[in-house]
Amino acid sequence: MAGDQTEKHLLAGQDERERGFSRAVEIERQEGVSRAIFRYETLALESAGAGSTAALAEMVRVLQERGYRQLRTRLIFRDGAYLGSQELWVEYADPEQPVEAAGGLAGLVRRIRRALTRRL
């Protein structure tokens, strides 16, 4: 398809098992719509948007819903030209966790305090 354009972005972060990863996301642009394609182990995802930024943001949102964290992207190829590390990383904020879901010592103290104040 002669009018099609492609980009590749590097997507890095932690998966749902808190393992670091770094994989390419292909962006295909056709007729004003960008489609992001991501493959990691047995996971294969596609998302679409009005541009590559929107398609990547949707991809990140879906991955965050699956438990992926500390996600960031960087453009590495545009229309066949290798950009390497010339482009800056785009970092995506992790969604806030509910206070009840907080673990560790702070979560334990919160649960104990809540249990004690209910009895008074």
Protein backbone atom coordinates (compact mmCIF):
# COMPACT_ATOMS: atom_id res chain seq x y z
CA MET A 1 0.00 0.00 0.00
CA ALA A 2 1.82 3.03 -1.32
CA GLY A 3 0.33 5.71 0.98
CA ASP A 4 0.80 3.76 4.19
CA GLN A 5 3.29 4.98 6.77
CA THR A 6 4.80 3.07 9.65
CA GLU A 7 6.54 3.86 12.91
CA LYS A 8 8.12 1.70 15.59
CA HIS A 9 8.19 2.72 19.22
CA LEU A 10 10.04 1.02 22.04
CA LEU A 11 7.70 0.23 24.96
CA ALA A 12 9.40 -0.51 28.29
CA GLY A 13 8.20 -1.08 31.83
CA GLN A 14 7.19 -3.82 34.23
CA ASP A 15 4.72 -6.55 33.37
CA GLU A 16 1.98 -7.84 35.67
CA ARG A 17 4.52 -10.13 37.36
CA GLU A 18 6.83 -7.15 38.01
CA ARG A 19 9.43 -8.28 35.46
CA GLY A 20 11.14 -5.65 33.37
CA PHE A 21 10.51 -5.78 29.64
CA SER A 22 11.23 -3.82 26.48
CA ARG A 23 9.42 -4.55 23.20
CA ALA A 24 8.70 -2.82 19.91
CA VAL A 25 5.23 -1.48 19.15
CA GLU A 26 4.47 -1.10 15.45
CA ILE A 27 2.29 1.79 14.38
CA GLU A 28 0.57 1.49 11.01
CA ARG A 29 -1.17 4.57 9.62
CA GLN A 30 -3.86 4.09 6.99
CA GLU A 31 -6.50 6.56 5.90
CA GLY A 32 -6.12 8.83 8.93
CA VAL A 33 -6.23 6.03 11.53
CA SER A 34 -3.21 4.75 13.44
CA ARG A 35 -3.13 1.18 14.66
CA ALA A 36 -0.66 0.08 17.38
CA ILE A 37 0.41 -3.58 17.46
CA PHE A 38 2.17 -5.02 20.54
CA ARG A 39 3.39 -8.57 21.20
CA TYR A 40 4.88 -9.79 24.47
CA GLU A 41 5.22 -13.49 25.30
CA THR A 42 1.70 -14.91 24.69
CA LEU A 43 0.03 -11.47 24.70
CA ALA A 44 -0.91 -9.82 21.40
CA LEU A 45 -2.74 -6.47 21.54
CA GLU A 46 -3.95 -3.96 19.00
CA SER A 47 -5.29 -0.48 19.60
CA ALA A 48 -6.34 2.35 17.31
CA GLY A 49 -6.49 6.11 17.47
CA ALA A 50 -6.56 9.28 15.40
CA GLY A 51 -2.75 9.42 15.52
CA SER A 52 0.19 7.44 16.83
CA THR A 53 0.08 9.27 20.17
CA ALA A 54 -3.59 8.33 20.69
CA ALA A 55 -3.01 4.71 19.62
CA LEU A 56 -0.06 4.39 22.03
CA ALA A 57 -2.02 6.00 24.88
CA GLU A 58 -4.84 3.50 24.35
CA MET A 59 -2.31 0.64 24.28
CA VAL A 60 -0.80 1.84 27.57
CA ARG A 61 -4.26 2.15 29.15
CA VAL A 62 -5.09 -1.46 28.23
CA LEU A 63 -1.74 -2.71 29.54
CA GLN A 64 -2.19 -0.79 32.81
CA GLU A 65 -5.59 -2.45 33.25
CA ARG A 66 -3.75 -5.78 32.99
CA GLY A 67 -1.31 -4.76 35.75
CA TYR A 68 1.60 -3.38 33.73
CA ARG A 69 3.40 -0.45 35.43
CA GLN A 70 6.12 2.16 34.90
CA LEU A 71 5.40 2.26 31.17
CA ARG A 72 7.26 4.52 28.78
CA THR A 73 7.69 4.74 25.02
CA ARG A 74 10.26 6.14 22.59
CA LEU A 75 10.06 6.52 18.81
CA ILE A 76 12.85 4.44 17.23
CA PHE A 77 11.83 4.12 13.51
CA ARG A 78 9.84 6.46 11.27
CA ASP A 79 9.15 5.56 7.64
CA GLY A 80 12.19 3.27 7.52
CA ALA A 81 14.65 5.72 9.11
CA TYR A 82 16.31 4.50 12.30
CA LEU A 83 16.21 7.16 15.01
CA GLY A 84 17.88 5.17 17.78
CA SER A 85 17.96 7.16 21.00
CA GLN A 86 17.49 10.57 19.33
CA GLU A 87 13.91 10.86 20.57
CA LEU A 88 12.99 11.40 24.22
CA TRP A 89 11.12 8.87 26.35
CA VAL A 90 7.42 9.53 26.92
CA GLU A 91 6.47 8.35 30.41
CA TYR A 92 2.93 7.33 31.36
CA ALA A 93 1.78 7.79 34.95
CA ASP A 94 0.64 4.64 36.71
CA PRO A 95 -3.02 4.68 37.74
CA GLU A 96 -3.54 5.41 41.41
CA GLN A 97 -4.22 2.40 43.59
CA PRO A 98 -7.10 2.52 46.05
CA VAL A 99 -5.96 3.05 49.64
CA GLU A 100 -7.43 -0.33 50.63
CA ALA A 101 -5.25 -2.08 48.05
CA ALA A 102 -2.04 -0.66 49.53
CA GLY A 103 0.07 -3.43 50.96
CA GLY A 104 3.09 -3.54 53.19
CA LEU A 105 3.46 -1.99 56.60
CA ALA A 106 1.43 1.14 55.79
CA GLY A 107 -1.51 -0.98 54.64
CA LEU A 108 -1.31 -3.14 57.75
CA VAL A 109 -1.28 -0.09 60.06
CA ARG A 110 -4.26 1.37 58.20
CA ARG A 111 -6.26 -1.85 58.55
CA ILE A 112 -5.45 -2.16 62.28
CA ARG A 113 -6.38 1.48 62.94
CA ARG A 114 -9.65 1.04 61.03
CA ALA A 115 -10.50 -2.13 62.97
CA LEU A 116 -9.80 -0.43 66.33
CA THR A 117 -11.77 2.73 65.56
CA ARG A 118 -14.84 0.72 64.51
CA ARG A 119 -15.07 -0.82 67.98
CA LEU A 120 -14.99 2.51 69.86
